Amino acid sequence: MAVPRKSLRGIKTMAGLVDRRRSRTSAGALLEMSALANEKERLHQELAAARRRRKEIKVRLTEIAAKERRLQKFLTAPRLEGEAPTQAGETRCGLKLKEFNY
């Protein structure tokens, strides 16, 4: 028989005891509803922050992909944009083009 895994949520605390006692009266139920509303609002704020962060990450990934494409083009044809080779295999900025095949 497997032993159930224990976590922090499974620990019996005084707060859990108080929560069970609160809901026995109408005032306790109102207090519990207030606590739940606060927790719900906090969780909505966390979701909104996660959505903003996810959007920022997607934008950054798009920027990285664009930069990778530019760098890949430079690896295959290392010359400045709009620049034509001056001599066979050489560009104006002094780069010599040579391909190696192994």
Protein backbone atom coordinates (compact mmCIF):
# COMPACT_ATOMS: atom_id res chain seq x y z
CA MET A 1 0.00 0.00 0.00
CA ALA A 2 1.43 3.35 -1.06
CA VAL A 3 1.80 6.06 1.54
CA PRO A 4 -0.10 9.20 0.48
CA ARG A 5 2.16 12.15 -0.25
CA LYS A 6 1.87 14.99 2.17
CA SER A 7 2.16 18.62 1.27
CA LEU A 8 1.80 21.95 2.98
CA ARG A 9 -1.88 22.04 2.04
CA GLY A 10 -2.52 18.85 4.00
CA ILE A 11 -1.20 20.15 7.32
CA LYS A 12 -3.89 20.68 9.97
CA THR A 13 -3.63 24.21 11.34
CA MET A 14 -5.59 26.44 13.68
CA ALA A 15 -6.70 28.47 10.67
CA GLY A 16 -8.47 25.41 9.26
CA LEU A 17 -10.20 24.83 12.57
CA VAL A 18 -11.31 28.47 12.74
CA ASP A 19 -12.62 28.33 9.14
CA ARG A 20 -14.84 25.36 10.00
CA ARG A 21 -16.15 27.08 13.11
CA ARG A 22 -16.84 30.36 11.29
CA SER A 23 -19.36 28.90 8.89
CA ARG A 24 -21.65 27.77 11.74
CA THR A 25 -23.03 31.29 12.25
CA SER A 26 -24.34 33.88 9.82
CA ALA A 27 -21.68 36.38 10.90
CA GLY A 28 -19.00 33.73 10.41
CA ALA A 29 -20.40 32.91 6.98
CA LEU A 30 -20.20 36.58 5.99
CA LEU A 31 -16.64 36.75 7.25
CA GLU A 32 -15.77 33.61 5.27
CA MET A 33 -17.40 35.05 2.14
CA SER A 34 -15.34 38.21 2.56
CA ALA A 35 -12.13 36.18 2.84
CA LEU A 36 -13.09 34.20 -0.27
CA ALA A 37 -13.83 37.40 -2.20
CA ASN A 38 -10.41 38.77 -1.25
CA GLU A 39 -8.71 35.55 -2.35
CA LYS A 40 -10.68 35.56 -5.61
CA GLU A 41 -9.61 39.16 -6.33
CA ARG A 42 -5.97 38.33 -5.60
CA LEU A 43 -6.11 35.32 -7.94
CA HIS A 44 -7.65 37.46 -10.71
CA GLN A 45 -4.79 39.93 -10.29
CA GLU A 46 -2.28 37.08 -10.55
CA LEU A 47 -3.96 35.86 -13.76
CA ALA A 48 -3.81 39.36 -15.25
CA ALA A 49 -0.11 39.64 -14.35
CA ALA A 50 0.53 36.22 -15.90
CA ARG A 51 -1.26 37.28 -19.11
CA ARG A 52 0.85 40.46 -19.32
CA ARG A 53 4.03 38.48 -18.73
CA ARG A 54 3.03 35.90 -21.36
CA LYS A 55 2.45 38.71 -23.88
CA GLU A 56 5.87 40.22 -23.10
CA ILE A 57 7.50 36.82 -23.56
CA LYS A 58 5.79 36.28 -26.92
CA VAL A 59 6.96 39.70 -28.14
CA ARG A 60 10.52 38.92 -27.05
CA LEU A 61 10.42 35.52 -28.77
CA THR A 62 9.28 37.23 -31.99
CA GLU A 63 12.18 39.69 -31.73
CA ILE A 64 14.63 36.83 -31.16
CA ALA A 65 13.29 34.92 -34.19
CA ALA A 66 13.67 38.01 -36.40
CA LYS A 67 17.23 38.56 -35.18
CA GLU A 68 18.08 34.90 -35.78
CA ARG A 69 16.81 35.21 -39.37
CA ARG A 70 18.97 38.31 -39.94
CA LEU A 71 22.03 36.57 -38.50
CA GLN A 72 21.38 33.45 -40.58
CA LYS A 73 21.27 35.61 -43.73
CA PHE A 74 24.56 37.18 -42.69
CA LEU A 75 26.13 33.76 -42.29
CA THR A 76 25.15 32.73 -45.81
CA ALA A 77 25.97 36.10 -47.47
CA PRO A 78 28.13 38.33 -45.22
CA ARG A 79 27.75 41.74 -46.84
CA LEU A 80 26.07 44.90 -45.75
CA GLU A 81 22.57 45.50 -47.08
CA GLY A 82 22.58 47.36 -50.39
CA GLU A 83 26.27 46.68 -50.92
CA ALA A 84 27.53 44.99 -54.08
CA PRO A 85 30.88 43.16 -54.22
CA THR A 86 33.71 45.31 -55.56
CA GLN A 87 35.92 42.46 -56.72
CA ALA A 88 35.35 38.77 -57.05
CA GLY A 89 34.80 37.45 -53.54
CA GLU A 90 35.41 40.74 -51.70
CA THR A 91 33.06 43.39 -50.33
CA ARG A 92 33.62 47.09 -49.75
CA CYS A 93 34.08 46.60 -46.01
CA GLY A 94 37.00 44.23 -46.61
CA LEU A 95 35.31 40.90 -45.92
CA LYS A 96 36.56 38.10 -48.09
CA LEU A 97 34.00 35.50 -49.04
CA LYS A 98 35.05 31.89 -49.10
CA GLU A 99 32.93 28.79 -48.73
CA PHE A 100 34.25 25.62 -47.21
CA ASN A 101 32.74 22.25 -48.02
CA TYR A 102 33.77 19.28 -45.96
